[in-house]
Amino acid sequence: MDPLTTTNNQHSASKPRFIVGSHKNSSSKLSSVPVRKHADIFVSRLDPCVTSTMLESELFNSYSEVTINKMVTRHPSYSSFHVRLHAEKLVEGLEPAFWPDGLMVKRFWGRLTPEMILNSTPKN
C-alpha cells in the first residue's frame, strides 16, 4: 500500500505535524534561531503583601530571563504567582529546599490568560 493513500484516521495518527531540518552546511548563510525552552511554575500560599518584585529579588535574583506574574486569587488571605523560567532551571525551581517553608509549588500547565494576572515584573 502506498503510504500517501492512507485513510484519514491512519493519516492523522502517523504523520507528524511538522519536521525539523537536519542538513548541516557550513557554507550556507541560512541558520535557525537558538531554541529557548521555558517552564512554568505555580506558587501559592504567600502573604498577600508579597509582590512580584519581592519574589524575584528574594529567590530569582541570579536567574536570567525570569518573568513573575502575581495572579488573581479567590480569597484575599493569600497570594499566588506564575513564574516562567528557563527549562534547565526547572529541577532547581521544584526543589522543596528552594522555597520558604509552607509554600505550595507545582508545575503550571495550561495558558496564562490576562484575566488571571493581577500584575507582573518587567521582562529582563
N, C-alpha and C. Protein backbone atom coordinates (compact mmCIF):
# COMPACT_ATOMS: atom_id res chain seq x y z
N MET A 1 0.84 -1.18 0.00
CA MET A 1 0.00 0.00 0.00
C MET A 1 0.88 1.25 0.00
N ASP A 2 0.55 2.19 -0.82
CA ASP A 2 1.27 3.45 -0.90
C ASP A 2 1.04 4.25 0.38
N PRO A 3 2.09 4.76 1.08
CA PRO A 3 1.90 5.48 2.33
C PRO A 3 1.11 6.79 2.17
N LEU A 4 1.03 7.31 0.96
CA LEU A 4 0.29 8.55 0.75
C LEU A 4 -1.20 8.33 0.57
N THR A 5 -1.61 7.09 0.36
CA THR A 5 -3.03 6.80 0.18
C THR A 5 -3.61 6.12 1.41
N THR A 6 -3.45 6.74 2.54
CA THR A 6 -3.98 6.19 3.78
C THR A 6 -5.31 6.87 4.10
N THR A 7 -6.05 6.25 5.00
CA THR A 7 -7.32 6.87 5.40
C THR A 7 -7.04 8.04 6.33
N ASN A 8 -8.08 8.83 6.59
CA ASN A 8 -7.92 9.99 7.46
C ASN A 8 -7.45 9.60 8.85
N ASN A 9 -7.99 8.51 9.40
CA ASN A 9 -7.57 8.07 10.73
C ASN A 9 -6.10 7.68 10.75
N GLN A 10 -5.69 6.89 9.79
CA GLN A 10 -4.30 6.46 9.73
C GLN A 10 -3.39 7.65 9.45
N HIS A 11 -3.83 8.53 8.59
CA HIS A 11 -3.03 9.68 8.20
C HIS A 11 -2.74 10.59 9.39
N SER A 12 -3.75 10.92 10.18
CA SER A 12 -3.54 11.83 11.29
C SER A 12 -2.74 11.20 12.43
N ALA A 13 -2.79 9.88 12.55
CA ALA A 13 -2.08 9.22 13.63
C ALA A 13 -0.60 9.02 13.29
N SER A 14 -0.25 8.91 12.02
CA SER A 14 1.12 8.57 11.68
C SER A 14 1.94 9.74 11.14
N LYS A 15 1.31 10.77 10.62
CA LYS A 15 2.05 11.87 10.03
C LYS A 15 2.38 12.93 11.08
N PRO A 16 3.65 13.31 11.21
CA PRO A 16 3.99 14.35 12.17
C PRO A 16 3.42 15.69 11.73
N ARG A 17 3.17 16.56 12.69
CA ARG A 17 2.62 17.88 12.39
C ARG A 17 3.65 18.78 11.72
N PHE A 18 4.92 18.56 11.97
CA PHE A 18 5.97 19.34 11.33
C PHE A 18 7.26 18.53 11.36
N ILE A 19 8.24 18.97 10.62
CA ILE A 19 9.55 18.34 10.62
C ILE A 19 10.57 19.38 11.07
N VAL A 20 11.75 18.92 11.47
CA VAL A 20 12.84 19.81 11.85
C VAL A 20 14.01 19.48 10.94
N GLY A 21 14.53 20.51 10.27
CA GLY A 21 15.64 20.30 9.35
C GLY A 21 16.88 19.80 10.06
N SER A 22 17.67 19.01 9.35
CA SER A 22 18.87 18.44 9.96
C SER A 22 20.12 18.59 9.08
N HIS A 23 19.97 19.13 7.87
CA HIS A 23 21.12 19.27 6.96
C HIS A 23 22.06 20.35 7.47
N LYS A 24 23.31 19.99 7.66
CA LYS A 24 24.30 20.95 8.13
C LYS A 24 25.19 21.33 6.95
N ASN A 25 25.24 22.63 6.65
CA ASN A 25 26.04 23.12 5.54
C ASN A 25 26.78 24.35 6.04
N SER A 26 28.08 24.21 6.26
CA SER A 26 28.85 25.30 6.85
C SER A 26 28.99 26.50 5.92
N SER A 27 28.81 26.31 4.61
CA SER A 27 28.94 27.44 3.69
C SER A 27 27.63 28.20 3.50
N SER A 28 26.54 27.71 4.07
CA SER A 28 25.25 28.37 3.91
C SER A 28 25.11 29.53 4.88
N LYS A 29 24.42 30.58 4.44
CA LYS A 29 24.15 31.72 5.31
C LYS A 29 22.82 31.55 6.04
N LEU A 30 22.11 30.46 5.79
CA LEU A 30 20.84 30.19 6.45
C LEU A 30 21.09 29.45 7.76
N SER A 31 20.43 29.90 8.79
CA SER A 31 20.55 29.20 10.07
C SER A 31 19.27 29.43 10.88
N SER A 32 19.03 28.54 11.81
CA SER A 32 17.86 28.69 12.68
C SER A 32 18.25 29.54 13.90
N VAL A 33 17.25 30.07 14.54
CA VAL A 33 17.49 30.82 15.77
C VAL A 33 17.66 29.81 16.91
N PRO A 34 18.38 30.19 17.96
CA PRO A 34 18.51 29.26 19.09
C PRO A 34 17.15 29.04 19.76
N VAL A 35 16.89 27.82 20.15
CA VAL A 35 15.63 27.48 20.80
C VAL A 35 15.76 27.75 22.29
N ARG A 36 14.83 28.54 22.83
CA ARG A 36 14.80 28.85 24.26
C ARG A 36 13.56 28.18 24.84
N LYS A 37 13.78 27.13 25.59
CA LYS A 37 12.65 26.44 26.20
C LYS A 37 12.42 26.99 27.60
N HIS A 38 11.15 27.21 27.91
CA HIS A 38 10.77 27.75 29.21
C HIS A 38 9.86 26.76 29.93
N ALA A 39 9.81 26.91 31.23
CA ALA A 39 8.92 26.10 32.06
C ALA A 39 8.16 27.04 32.97
N ASP A 40 6.94 26.65 33.32
CA ASP A 40 6.07 27.48 34.15
C ASP A 40 5.81 26.79 35.49
N ILE A 41 5.82 27.60 36.55
CA ILE A 41 5.60 27.12 37.91
C ILE A 41 4.48 27.94 38.54
N PHE A 42 3.65 27.27 39.32
CA PHE A 42 2.60 27.93 40.11
C PHE A 42 3.05 27.93 41.56
N VAL A 43 3.02 29.12 42.20
CA VAL A 43 3.43 29.26 43.60
C VAL A 43 2.27 29.90 44.35
N SER A 44 1.89 29.32 45.48
CA SER A 44 0.76 29.85 46.24
C SER A 44 1.05 29.79 47.74
N ARG A 45 0.11 30.37 48.50
CA ARG A 45 0.17 30.46 49.96
C ARG A 45 1.20 31.47 50.46
N LEU A 46 1.47 32.48 49.65
CA LEU A 46 2.33 33.57 50.11
C LEU A 46 1.48 34.62 50.78
N ASP A 47 2.10 35.42 51.64
CA ASP A 47 1.41 36.52 52.29
C ASP A 47 0.87 37.47 51.21
N PRO A 48 -0.33 38.03 51.40
CA PRO A 48 -0.91 38.90 50.38
C PRO A 48 -0.09 40.14 50.05
N CYS A 49 0.78 40.59 50.97
CA CYS A 49 1.58 41.79 50.69
C CYS A 49 2.80 41.50 49.82
N VAL A 50 3.11 40.23 49.55
CA VAL A 50 4.25 39.89 48.70
C VAL A 50 3.97 40.33 47.27
N THR A 51 4.96 40.94 46.63
CA THR A 51 4.82 41.40 45.25
C THR A 51 5.71 40.57 44.32
N SER A 52 5.48 40.70 43.04
CA SER A 52 6.31 40.02 42.04
C SER A 52 7.77 40.44 42.17
N THR A 53 8.00 41.72 42.39
CA THR A 53 9.36 42.23 42.55
C THR A 53 10.04 41.64 43.78
N MET A 54 9.31 41.53 44.88
CA MET A 54 9.88 40.93 46.09
C MET A 54 10.27 39.48 45.86
N LEU A 55 9.40 38.73 45.21
CA LEU A 55 9.67 37.31 44.92
C LEU A 55 10.90 37.17 44.03
N GLU A 56 10.99 38.03 43.02
CA GLU A 56 12.14 37.98 42.12
C GLU A 56 13.44 38.31 42.84
N SER A 57 13.44 39.36 43.66
CA SER A 57 14.68 39.75 44.33
C SER A 57 15.11 38.75 45.41
N GLU A 58 14.16 38.09 46.06
CA GLU A 58 14.49 37.13 47.11
C GLU A 58 14.95 35.77 46.57
N LEU A 59 14.31 35.29 45.50
CA LEU A 59 14.57 33.93 45.04
C LEU A 59 15.20 33.82 43.66
N PHE A 60 14.94 34.78 42.79
CA PHE A 60 15.35 34.63 41.40
C PHE A 60 16.31 35.72 40.94
N ASN A 61 17.00 36.35 41.87
CA ASN A 61 17.90 37.45 41.54
C ASN A 61 19.00 37.02 40.58
N SER A 62 19.50 35.81 40.70
CA SER A 62 20.60 35.34 39.86
C SER A 62 20.13 34.68 38.56
N TYR A 63 18.81 34.57 38.38
CA TYR A 63 18.27 33.94 37.18
C TYR A 63 18.17 34.95 36.05
N SER A 64 18.45 34.50 34.84
CA SER A 64 18.25 35.38 33.69
C SER A 64 16.90 35.06 33.06
N GLU A 65 16.28 36.08 32.57
CA GLU A 65 15.00 35.96 31.86
C GLU A 65 13.92 35.22 32.64
N VAL A 66 13.67 35.64 33.85
CA VAL A 66 12.56 35.10 34.63
C VAL A 66 11.43 36.12 34.60
N THR A 67 10.20 35.64 34.43
CA THR A 67 9.02 36.50 34.45
C THR A 67 8.10 36.01 35.55
N ILE A 68 7.66 36.92 36.41
CA ILE A 68 6.80 36.56 37.53
C ILE A 68 5.53 37.39 37.46
N ASN A 69 4.40 36.71 37.48
CA ASN A 69 3.09 37.37 37.44
C ASN A 69 2.34 37.07 38.73
N LYS A 70 1.89 38.13 39.41
CA LYS A 70 1.01 37.93 40.55
C LYS A 70 -0.37 37.65 39.99
N MET A 71 -0.99 36.59 40.50
CA MET A 71 -2.26 36.13 39.95
C MET A 71 -3.43 36.56 40.82
N VAL A 72 -4.57 36.66 40.17
CA VAL A 72 -5.82 36.93 40.89
C VAL A 72 -6.14 35.69 41.71
N THR A 73 -6.53 35.87 42.98
CA THR A 73 -6.88 34.75 43.84
C THR A 73 -8.35 34.81 44.24
N ARG A 74 -8.86 33.70 44.71
CA ARG A 74 -10.27 33.64 45.14
C ARG A 74 -10.49 34.32 46.48
N HIS A 75 -9.44 34.34 47.31
CA HIS A 75 -9.56 34.91 48.65
C HIS A 75 -8.43 35.90 48.89
N PRO A 76 -8.67 36.96 49.65
CA PRO A 76 -7.62 37.95 49.90
C PRO A 76 -6.61 37.53 50.98
N SER A 77 -6.74 36.33 51.52
CA SER A 77 -5.87 35.91 52.62
C SER A 77 -4.52 35.35 52.17
N TYR A 78 -4.28 35.22 50.88
CA TYR A 78 -3.02 34.70 50.36
C TYR A 78 -2.78 35.28 48.98
N SER A 79 -1.58 35.09 48.47
CA SER A 79 -1.29 35.48 47.08
C SER A 79 -0.67 34.31 46.34
N SER A 80 -0.87 34.30 45.04
CA SER A 80 -0.35 33.26 44.16
C SER A 80 0.40 33.90 43.00
N PHE A 81 1.36 33.15 42.45
CA PHE A 81 2.20 33.67 41.38
C PHE A 81 2.41 32.63 40.30
N HIS A 82 2.59 33.13 39.07
CA HIS A 82 3.01 32.33 37.93
C HIS A 82 4.46 32.73 37.67
N VAL A 83 5.36 31.74 37.61
CA VAL A 83 6.78 32.00 37.38
C VAL A 83 7.19 31.29 36.10
N ARG A 84 7.76 32.03 35.15
CA ARG A 84 8.30 31.43 33.92
C ARG A 84 9.81 31.58 33.96
N LEU A 85 10.53 30.44 33.82
CA LEU A 85 11.98 30.44 33.85
C LEU A 85 12.51 29.49 32.79
N HIS A 86 13.81 29.52 32.57
CA HIS A 86 14.42 28.61 31.61
C HIS A 86 14.18 27.17 32.04
N ALA A 87 13.94 26.30 31.08
CA ALA A 87 13.63 24.90 31.36
C ALA A 87 14.75 24.22 32.14
N GLU A 88 16.00 24.62 31.90
CA GLU A 88 17.11 23.96 32.62
C GLU A 88 17.13 24.31 34.10
N LYS A 89 16.39 25.33 34.51
CA LYS A 89 16.30 25.70 35.93
C LYS A 89 15.08 25.07 36.62
N LEU A 90 14.28 24.30 35.88
CA LEU A 90 13.04 23.75 36.43
C LEU A 90 13.29 22.81 37.60
N VAL A 91 14.25 21.92 37.48
CA VAL A 91 14.52 20.96 38.56
C VAL A 91 14.86 21.70 39.84
N GLU A 92 15.70 22.71 39.74
CA GLU A 92 16.07 23.52 40.90
C GLU A 92 14.84 24.26 41.45
N GLY A 93 14.00 24.77 40.55
CA GLY A 93 12.82 25.51 40.96
C GLY A 93 11.74 24.65 41.60
N LEU A 94 11.81 23.36 41.42
CA LEU A 94 10.83 22.46 42.03
C LEU A 94 11.37 21.73 43.26
N GLU A 95 12.55 22.11 43.70
CA GLU A 95 13.12 21.54 44.92
C GLU A 95 12.47 22.18 46.14
N PRO A 96 11.96 21.39 47.10
CA PRO A 96 11.34 21.97 48.30
C PRO A 96 12.28 22.90 49.06
N ALA A 97 13.57 22.59 49.09
CA ALA A 97 14.53 23.41 49.85
C ALA A 97 14.74 24.79 49.21
N PHE A 98 14.36 24.97 47.97
CA PHE A 98 14.50 26.26 47.29
C PHE A 98 13.49 27.28 47.83
N TRP A 99 12.33 26.80 48.26
CA TRP A 99 11.20 27.66 48.63
C TRP A 99 11.08 27.83 50.15
N PRO A 100 10.56 28.98 50.58
CA PRO A 100 10.31 29.18 52.01
C PRO A 100 9.30 28.16 52.55
N ASP A 101 9.38 27.89 53.81
CA ASP A 101 8.53 26.91 54.48
C ASP A 101 7.04 27.23 54.31
N GLY A 102 6.25 26.22 53.96
CA GLY A 102 4.80 26.34 53.90
C GLY A 102 4.21 26.74 52.57
N LEU A 103 5.04 27.11 51.59
CA LEU A 103 4.51 27.49 50.28
C LEU A 103 4.10 26.25 49.50
N MET A 104 3.11 26.40 48.64
CA MET A 104 2.69 25.33 47.74
C MET A 104 3.25 25.65 46.36
N VAL A 105 3.98 24.72 45.77
CA VAL A 105 4.63 24.92 44.48
C VAL A 105 4.35 23.71 43.61
N LYS A 106 3.98 23.95 42.35
CA LYS A 106 3.80 22.86 41.40
C LYS A 106 3.97 23.40 39.99
N ARG A 107 4.08 22.50 39.01
CA ARG A 107 4.15 22.92 37.61
C ARG A 107 2.87 23.63 37.24
N PHE A 108 2.97 24.63 36.41
CA PHE A 108 1.81 25.35 35.89
C PHE A 108 1.57 24.82 34.49
N TRP A 109 0.41 24.24 34.27
CA TRP A 109 0.03 23.71 32.96
C TRP A 109 -1.10 24.55 32.41
N GLY A 110 -1.14 24.71 31.14
CA GLY A 110 -2.22 25.46 30.52
C GLY A 110 -1.78 26.85 30.11
N ARG A 111 -2.74 27.68 29.81
CA ARG A 111 -2.47 29.03 29.30
C ARG A 111 -2.72 30.06 30.39
N LEU A 112 -1.80 30.99 30.52
CA LEU A 112 -1.95 32.10 31.45
C LEU A 112 -2.68 33.22 30.70
N THR A 113 -3.92 33.47 31.06
CA THR A 113 -4.73 34.48 30.37
C THR A 113 -4.61 35.83 31.08
N PRO A 114 -4.84 36.93 30.38
CA PRO A 114 -4.76 38.25 31.01
C PRO A 114 -5.69 38.40 32.22
N GLU A 115 -6.82 37.72 32.21
CA GLU A 115 -7.76 37.81 33.34
C GLU A 115 -7.19 37.19 34.60
N MET A 116 -6.20 36.33 34.48
CA MET A 116 -5.60 35.66 35.63
C MET A 116 -4.49 36.49 36.28
N ILE A 117 -4.00 37.52 35.59
CA ILE A 117 -2.85 38.29 36.05
C ILE A 117 -3.30 39.55 36.80
N LEU A 118 -2.77 39.72 38.00
CA LEU A 118 -3.00 40.94 38.78
C LEU A 118 -1.96 41.98 38.43
N ASN A 119 -0.68 41.60 38.48
CA ASN A 119 0.42 42.44 38.00
C ASN A 119 1.64 41.57 37.76
N SER A 120 2.66 42.12 37.11
CA SER A 120 3.83 41.32 36.76
C SER A 120 5.12 42.13 36.85
N THR A 121 6.24 41.40 36.87
CA THR A 121 7.54 42.05 36.83
C THR A 121 7.86 42.31 35.37
N PRO A 122 8.61 43.36 35.07
CA PRO A 122 9.00 43.59 33.68
C PRO A 122 9.96 42.50 33.22
N LYS A 123 9.89 42.16 31.94
CA LYS A 123 10.79 41.13 31.41
C LYS A 123 12.20 41.67 31.34
N ASN A 124 13.18 40.79 31.66
CA ASN A 124 14.60 41.20 31.63
C ASN A 124 15.06 41.34 30.21
